């Protein structure tokens, strides 16, 4: 039975990761999706050739107008958060807060630290991790 749950979690992580990777990095990715959906990219390649400059333009737009995409969760982090958020009333012990902070700081590239204010933790670190976890599920 545990193997089945592990397989289910692994599949859930793969779906989450695929959705995360498909998210736009910025304006360049958004424009590329529109041009692909409308067929403009094929027209540009036909007229201008294989190297029409689209990739360079996409990267430049992504750099100028970045979406500040966060780092992808690892499978271990995804599984931990899945178990944590499945719990109806999780207790935030020092160990749990430490683990959540470690995930949060890596994913958001921040340096948040432990706090004795549980509502600050819930409204900050906890809420942002939950949003990320659910956003790509």
N, C-alpha and C. Protein backbone atom coordinates (compact mmCIF):
# COMPACT_ATOMS: atom_id res chain seq x y z
N UNK A 1 0.82 -1.20 0.00
CA UNK A 1 0.00 0.00 0.00
C UNK A 1 0.86 1.25 0.00
N UNK A 2 1.98 1.26 0.73
CA UNK A 2 2.87 2.40 0.74
C UNK A 2 3.50 2.64 -0.62
N UNK A 3 3.77 1.53 -1.37
CA UNK A 3 4.34 1.68 -2.70
C UNK A 3 3.37 2.42 -3.61
N UNK A 4 2.07 2.09 -3.49
CA UNK A 4 1.06 2.76 -4.31
C UNK A 4 1.02 4.25 -4.00
N UNK A 5 1.06 4.58 -2.72
CA UNK A 5 1.04 5.99 -2.33
C UNK A 5 2.28 6.70 -2.84
N UNK A 6 3.43 6.02 -2.79
CA UNK A 6 4.65 6.59 -3.31
C UNK A 6 4.57 6.83 -4.81
N UNK A 7 3.99 5.87 -5.55
CA UNK A 7 3.82 6.02 -6.99
C UNK A 7 2.89 7.17 -7.31
N UNK A 8 1.83 7.31 -6.51
CA UNK A 8 0.87 8.39 -6.70
C UNK A 8 1.54 9.74 -6.46
N UNK A 9 2.36 9.83 -5.41
CA UNK A 9 3.08 11.06 -5.10
C UNK A 9 4.08 11.38 -6.21
N UNK A 10 4.77 10.36 -6.71
CA UNK A 10 5.75 10.56 -7.77
C UNK A 10 5.06 11.09 -9.03
N UNK A 11 3.92 10.52 -9.36
CA UNK A 11 3.16 10.98 -10.53
C UNK A 11 2.68 12.42 -10.33
N UNK A 12 2.22 12.72 -9.12
CA UNK A 12 1.76 14.08 -8.81
C UNK A 12 2.91 15.07 -8.95
N UNK A 13 4.10 14.67 -8.52
CA UNK A 13 5.26 15.54 -8.64
C UNK A 13 5.61 15.77 -10.11
N UNK A 14 5.57 14.73 -10.91
CA UNK A 14 5.91 14.86 -12.33
C UNK A 14 4.95 15.83 -13.02
N UNK A 15 3.68 15.75 -12.69
CA UNK A 15 2.69 16.67 -13.25
C UNK A 15 2.99 18.09 -12.78
N UNK A 16 3.27 18.25 -11.47
CA UNK A 16 3.58 19.56 -10.91
C UNK A 16 4.80 20.16 -11.62
N UNK A 17 5.86 19.37 -11.77
CA UNK A 17 7.10 19.85 -12.38
C UNK A 17 6.87 20.23 -13.84
N UNK A 18 6.11 19.43 -14.56
CA UNK A 18 5.82 19.73 -15.97
C UNK A 18 5.09 21.07 -16.08
N UNK A 19 4.11 21.29 -15.22
CA UNK A 19 3.36 22.55 -15.23
C UNK A 19 4.24 23.73 -14.85
N UNK A 20 5.14 23.52 -13.89
CA UNK A 20 6.07 24.58 -13.47
C UNK A 20 7.00 24.96 -14.62
N UNK A 21 7.54 23.95 -15.30
CA UNK A 21 8.46 24.22 -16.39
C UNK A 21 7.78 24.87 -17.59
N UNK A 22 6.47 24.60 -17.75
CA UNK A 22 5.72 25.18 -18.87
C UNK A 22 5.37 26.65 -18.63
N UNK A 23 5.45 27.09 -17.39
CA UNK A 23 5.12 28.48 -17.08
C UNK A 23 6.11 29.42 -17.75
N UNK A 24 5.63 30.57 -18.13
CA UNK A 24 6.47 31.55 -18.83
C UNK A 24 7.54 32.12 -17.91
N UNK A 25 8.71 32.38 -18.47
CA UNK A 25 9.78 33.05 -17.74
C UNK A 25 9.69 34.56 -17.87
N UNK A 26 8.87 35.01 -18.78
CA UNK A 26 8.72 36.45 -18.99
C UNK A 26 7.94 36.74 -20.26
N UNK A 27 8.01 37.98 -20.69
CA UNK A 27 7.26 38.43 -21.86
C UNK A 27 7.66 37.69 -23.13
N UNK A 28 8.92 37.36 -23.28
CA UNK A 28 9.39 36.65 -24.47
C UNK A 28 8.70 35.31 -24.64
N UNK A 29 8.54 34.55 -23.55
CA UNK A 29 7.85 33.26 -23.61
C UNK A 29 6.38 33.45 -23.96
N UNK A 30 5.77 34.49 -23.40
CA UNK A 30 4.36 34.76 -23.69
C UNK A 30 4.16 35.09 -25.17
N UNK A 31 5.04 35.93 -25.73
CA UNK A 31 4.95 36.28 -27.15
C UNK A 31 5.18 35.04 -28.01
N UNK A 32 6.14 34.21 -27.63
CA UNK A 32 6.43 32.98 -28.38
C UNK A 32 5.22 32.05 -28.40
N UNK A 33 4.51 31.94 -27.28
CA UNK A 33 3.32 31.09 -27.23
C UNK A 33 2.23 31.62 -28.16
N UNK A 34 2.07 32.93 -28.21
CA UNK A 34 1.05 33.54 -29.08
C UNK A 34 1.42 33.32 -30.55
N UNK A 35 2.69 33.56 -30.88
CA UNK A 35 3.09 33.40 -32.29
C UNK A 35 2.99 31.95 -32.73
N UNK A 36 3.25 31.03 -31.83
CA UNK A 36 3.11 29.60 -32.17
C UNK A 36 1.64 29.24 -32.35
N UNK A 37 0.79 29.71 -31.44
CA UNK A 37 -0.64 29.39 -31.51
C UNK A 37 -1.30 29.97 -32.76
N UNK A 38 -0.83 31.11 -33.21
CA UNK A 38 -1.42 31.76 -34.38
C UNK A 38 -0.75 31.36 -35.68
N UNK A 39 0.40 30.69 -35.60
CA UNK A 39 1.11 30.26 -36.80
C UNK A 39 2.07 31.30 -37.34
N UNK A 40 2.18 32.42 -36.66
CA UNK A 40 3.09 33.49 -37.11
C UNK A 40 4.54 33.00 -37.11
N UNK A 41 4.88 32.13 -36.18
CA UNK A 41 6.26 31.63 -36.11
C UNK A 41 6.64 30.88 -37.39
N UNK A 42 5.72 30.12 -37.95
CA UNK A 42 5.98 29.38 -39.19
C UNK A 42 6.13 30.32 -40.37
N UNK A 43 5.31 31.37 -40.39
CA UNK A 43 5.40 32.37 -41.46
C UNK A 43 6.76 33.07 -41.39
N UNK A 44 7.17 33.46 -40.19
CA UNK A 44 8.47 34.13 -40.01
C UNK A 44 9.61 33.23 -40.46
N UNK A 45 9.55 31.95 -40.11
CA UNK A 45 10.60 31.01 -40.52
C UNK A 45 10.61 30.84 -42.04
N UNK A 46 9.43 30.82 -42.66
CA UNK A 46 9.34 30.66 -44.12
C UNK A 46 9.95 31.87 -44.83
N UNK A 47 9.62 33.06 -44.33
CA UNK A 47 10.09 34.29 -44.98
C UNK A 47 11.55 34.58 -44.65
N UNK A 48 11.90 34.47 -43.38
CA UNK A 48 13.23 34.88 -42.93
C UNK A 48 14.23 33.74 -42.82
N UNK A 49 13.77 32.53 -42.96
CA UNK A 49 14.66 31.37 -42.84
C UNK A 49 14.63 30.77 -41.44
N UNK A 50 15.36 29.69 -41.30
CA UNK A 50 15.37 28.94 -40.03
C UNK A 50 15.76 29.80 -38.84
N UNK A 51 16.79 30.64 -39.01
CA UNK A 51 17.24 31.50 -37.93
C UNK A 51 16.69 32.91 -38.15
N UNK A 52 15.44 33.10 -37.75
CA UNK A 52 14.77 34.38 -38.00
C UNK A 52 15.01 35.39 -36.87
N UNK A 53 15.72 34.98 -35.84
CA UNK A 53 15.99 35.88 -34.72
C UNK A 53 14.97 35.80 -33.61
N UNK A 54 14.00 34.90 -33.76
CA UNK A 54 12.94 34.78 -32.75
C UNK A 54 13.48 34.38 -31.38
N UNK A 55 14.40 33.44 -31.37
CA UNK A 55 14.96 32.96 -30.09
C UNK A 55 15.72 34.08 -29.37
N UNK A 56 16.50 34.84 -30.12
CA UNK A 56 17.24 35.96 -29.55
C UNK A 56 16.28 37.01 -28.99
N UNK A 57 15.25 37.31 -29.76
CA UNK A 57 14.25 38.29 -29.33
C UNK A 57 13.51 37.80 -28.08
N UNK A 58 13.16 36.51 -28.08
CA UNK A 58 12.47 35.92 -26.92
C UNK A 58 13.32 36.05 -25.66
N UNK A 59 14.60 35.70 -25.77
CA UNK A 59 15.50 35.78 -24.61
C UNK A 59 15.69 37.21 -24.14
N UNK A 60 15.78 38.15 -25.08
CA UNK A 60 15.93 39.56 -24.72
C UNK A 60 14.69 40.07 -23.99
N UNK A 61 13.52 39.72 -24.49
CA UNK A 61 12.27 40.14 -23.83
C UNK A 61 12.13 39.50 -22.45
N UNK A 62 12.52 38.23 -22.34
CA UNK A 62 12.47 37.56 -21.03
C UNK A 62 13.38 38.25 -20.03
N UNK A 63 14.55 38.69 -20.51
CA UNK A 63 15.51 39.36 -19.63
C UNK A 63 14.99 40.73 -19.20
N UNK A 64 14.41 41.47 -20.15
CA UNK A 64 13.90 42.81 -19.85
C UNK A 64 12.63 42.78 -19.00
N UNK A 65 11.76 41.82 -19.30
CA UNK A 65 10.46 41.74 -18.62
C UNK A 65 10.28 40.35 -18.02
N UNK A 66 11.07 40.09 -17.00
CA UNK A 66 11.08 38.78 -16.34
C UNK A 66 9.86 38.60 -15.45
N UNK A 67 9.42 37.36 -15.34
CA UNK A 67 8.30 37.05 -14.46
C UNK A 67 8.78 36.64 -13.07
N UNK A 68 10.10 36.70 -12.83
CA UNK A 68 10.69 36.28 -11.56
C UNK A 68 10.22 34.89 -11.16
N UNK A 69 10.37 33.98 -12.09
CA UNK A 69 9.96 32.60 -11.86
C UNK A 69 10.78 32.00 -10.71
N UNK A 70 10.11 31.31 -9.86
CA UNK A 70 10.75 30.69 -8.71
C UNK A 70 11.42 29.37 -9.10
N UNK A 71 12.29 28.87 -8.24
CA UNK A 71 12.93 27.58 -8.49
C UNK A 71 11.91 26.47 -8.32
N UNK A 72 12.13 25.40 -9.06
CA UNK A 72 11.23 24.26 -9.02
C UNK A 72 11.46 23.46 -7.73
N UNK A 73 10.38 22.96 -7.15
CA UNK A 73 10.49 22.07 -5.99
C UNK A 73 11.16 20.78 -6.41
N UNK A 74 11.94 20.21 -5.52
CA UNK A 74 12.47 18.87 -5.76
C UNK A 74 11.36 17.88 -5.44
N UNK A 75 11.52 16.65 -5.85
CA UNK A 75 10.48 15.65 -5.56
C UNK A 75 10.33 15.45 -4.06
N UNK A 76 11.44 15.45 -3.33
CA UNK A 76 11.41 15.29 -1.88
C UNK A 76 10.65 16.46 -1.23
N UNK A 77 10.91 17.69 -1.70
CA UNK A 77 10.21 18.86 -1.16
C UNK A 77 8.72 18.80 -1.50
N UNK A 78 8.42 18.39 -2.71
CA UNK A 78 7.02 18.27 -3.13
C UNK A 78 6.28 17.27 -2.25
N UNK A 79 6.90 16.12 -2.01
CA UNK A 79 6.28 15.08 -1.17
C UNK A 79 6.10 15.57 0.26
N UNK A 80 7.10 16.27 0.79
CA UNK A 80 7.00 16.80 2.15
C UNK A 80 5.84 17.79 2.25
N UNK A 81 5.76 18.71 1.29
CA UNK A 81 4.68 19.71 1.31
C UNK A 81 3.32 19.05 1.09
N UNK A 82 3.28 18.03 0.27
CA UNK A 82 2.02 17.31 0.04
C UNK A 82 1.52 16.70 1.34
N UNK A 83 2.41 16.04 2.07
CA UNK A 83 2.03 15.46 3.37
C UNK A 83 1.65 16.56 4.35
N UNK A 84 2.41 17.63 4.36
CA UNK A 84 2.16 18.74 5.28
C UNK A 84 0.80 19.39 5.02
N UNK A 85 0.51 19.70 3.75
CA UNK A 85 -0.74 20.38 3.43
C UNK A 85 -1.95 19.44 3.47
N UNK A 86 -1.72 18.12 3.36
CA UNK A 86 -2.81 17.15 3.51
C UNK A 86 -3.31 17.10 4.95
N UNK A 87 -2.44 17.41 5.89
CA UNK A 87 -2.79 17.42 7.31
C UNK A 87 -3.72 18.61 7.56
N UNK A 88 -4.90 18.35 8.10
CA UNK A 88 -5.90 19.40 8.30
C UNK A 88 -5.42 20.51 9.23
N UNK A 89 -4.78 20.15 10.32
CA UNK A 89 -4.29 21.13 11.29
C UNK A 89 -2.84 20.80 11.64
N UNK A 90 -1.93 21.13 10.73
CA UNK A 90 -0.53 20.77 11.00
C UNK A 90 0.03 21.57 12.17
N UNK A 91 0.79 20.89 13.01
CA UNK A 91 1.48 21.57 14.10
C UNK A 91 2.81 22.08 13.57
N UNK A 92 3.07 23.34 13.85
CA UNK A 92 4.31 23.93 13.37
C UNK A 92 5.31 23.92 14.51
N UNK A 93 6.01 22.81 14.59
CA UNK A 93 7.06 22.67 15.59
C UNK A 93 8.31 23.37 15.06
N UNK A 94 9.33 23.44 15.88
CA UNK A 94 10.59 24.04 15.47
C UNK A 94 11.18 23.28 14.27
N UNK A 95 11.09 21.94 14.31
CA UNK A 95 11.61 21.13 13.20
C UNK A 95 10.83 21.37 11.91
N UNK A 96 9.51 21.46 12.03
CA UNK A 96 8.67 21.71 10.85
C UNK A 96 8.96 23.09 10.29
N UNK A 97 9.04 24.09 11.15
CA UNK A 97 9.33 25.45 10.71
C UNK A 97 10.70 25.50 10.02
N UNK A 98 11.66 24.81 10.56
CA UNK A 98 13.00 24.77 9.98
C UNK A 98 12.97 24.14 8.59
N UNK A 99 12.25 23.04 8.44
CA UNK A 99 12.16 22.35 7.14
C UNK A 99 11.44 23.22 6.12
N UNK A 100 10.33 23.85 6.53
CA UNK A 100 9.58 24.71 5.62
C UNK A 100 10.42 25.92 5.20
N UNK A 101 11.17 26.48 6.14
CA UNK A 101 12.04 27.62 5.82
C UNK A 101 13.14 27.22 4.84
N UNK A 102 13.68 26.04 5.01
CA UNK A 102 14.73 25.57 4.11
C UNK A 102 14.18 25.48 2.68
N UNK A 103 12.98 24.92 2.54
CA UNK A 103 12.34 24.81 1.23
C UNK A 103 12.05 26.21 0.68
N UNK A 104 11.44 27.04 1.52
CA UNK A 104 11.05 28.40 1.13
C UNK A 104 12.26 29.20 0.65
N UNK A 105 13.32 29.20 1.42
CA UNK A 105 14.51 29.98 1.08
C UNK A 105 15.15 29.51 -0.23
N UNK A 106 15.15 28.21 -0.48
CA UNK A 106 15.73 27.70 -1.72
C UNK A 106 14.85 28.05 -2.92
N UNK A 107 13.56 27.84 -2.78
CA UNK A 107 12.63 28.07 -3.88
C UNK A 107 12.52 29.55 -4.24
N UNK A 108 12.44 30.41 -3.24
CA UNK A 108 12.27 31.84 -3.48
C UNK A 108 13.59 32.63 -3.47
N UNK A 109 14.70 31.91 -3.25
CA UNK A 109 16.02 32.53 -3.17
C UNK A 109 16.02 33.70 -2.17
N UNK A 110 15.54 33.40 -0.98
CA UNK A 110 15.48 34.40 0.09
C UNK A 110 16.25 33.89 1.30
N UNK A 111 16.27 34.71 2.34
CA UNK A 111 16.96 34.34 3.58
C UNK A 111 16.05 34.57 4.78
N UNK A 112 14.84 34.07 4.71
CA UNK A 112 13.92 34.19 5.83
C UNK A 112 14.44 33.35 6.99
N UNK A 113 14.12 33.76 8.21
CA UNK A 113 14.57 33.02 9.38
C UNK A 113 13.38 32.67 10.27
N UNK A 114 13.65 31.83 11.26
CA UNK A 114 12.59 31.38 12.17
C UNK A 114 12.02 32.57 12.93
N UNK A 115 10.78 32.39 13.35
CA UNK A 115 10.10 33.43 14.10
C UNK A 115 9.27 32.78 15.21
N UNK A 116 9.07 33.51 16.28
CA UNK A 116 8.23 33.00 17.37
C UNK A 116 6.77 33.38 17.15
N UNK A 117 6.51 34.20 16.15
CA UNK A 117 5.15 34.65 15.84
C UNK A 117 4.54 33.68 14.83
N UNK A 118 3.65 32.81 15.30
CA UNK A 118 3.08 31.80 14.40
C UNK A 118 2.21 32.41 13.31
N UNK A 119 1.49 33.48 13.61
CA UNK A 119 0.65 34.08 12.57
C UNK A 119 1.51 34.72 11.48
N UNK A 120 2.66 35.28 11.84
CA UNK A 120 3.58 35.84 10.84
C UNK A 120 4.09 34.72 9.93
N UNK A 121 4.41 33.59 10.54
CA UNK A 121 4.92 32.45 9.77
C UNK A 121 3.84 31.91 8.83
N UNK A 122 2.63 31.73 9.36
CA UNK A 122 1.50 31.20 8.56
C UNK A 122 1.18 32.15 7.42
N UNK A 123 1.13 33.45 7.69
CA UNK A 123 0.76 34.42 6.65
C UNK A 123 1.89 34.69 5.66
N UNK A 124 3.09 34.33 6.01
CA UNK A 124 4.23 34.57 5.12
C UNK A 124 4.70 33.30 4.45
N UNK A 125 5.61 32.59 5.09
CA UNK A 125 6.25 31.41 4.52
C UNK A 125 5.21 30.34 4.16
N UNK A 126 4.37 29.99 5.10
CA UNK A 126 3.37 28.95 4.90
C UNK A 126 2.46 29.28 3.72
N UNK A 127 1.95 30.50 3.68
CA UNK A 127 0.99 30.90 2.63
C UNK A 127 1.66 30.89 1.25
N UNK A 128 2.89 31.38 1.16
CA UNK A 128 3.57 31.41 -0.14
C UNK A 128 3.90 30.01 -0.62
N UNK A 129 4.33 29.13 0.29
CA UNK A 129 4.62 27.75 -0.11
C UNK A 129 3.34 27.05 -0.56
N UNK A 130 2.26 27.29 0.14
CA UNK A 130 0.98 26.66 -0.24
C UNK A 130 0.54 27.15 -1.62
N UNK A 131 0.71 28.44 -1.87
CA UNK A 131 0.33 29.00 -3.17
C UNK A 131 1.15 28.36 -4.30
N UNK A 132 2.47 28.25 -4.10
CA UNK A 132 3.33 27.62 -5.10
C UNK A 132 2.95 26.18 -5.30
N UNK A 133 2.73 25.47 -4.21
CA UNK A 133 2.40 24.05 -4.29
C UNK A 133 1.11 23.84 -5.08
N UNK A 134 0.11 24.67 -4.82
CA UNK A 134 -1.20 24.52 -5.47
C UNK A 134 -1.22 25.10 -6.88
N UNK A 135 -0.37 26.08 -7.15
CA UNK A 135 -0.39 26.77 -8.44
C UNK A 135 -0.13 25.83 -9.61
N UNK A 136 0.76 24.89 -9.46
CA UNK A 136 1.12 24.00 -10.55
C UNK A 136 0.51 22.62 -10.42
N UNK A 137 -0.36 22.42 -9.44
CA UNK A 137 -0.98 21.09 -9.25
C UNK A 137 -2.14 20.89 -10.18
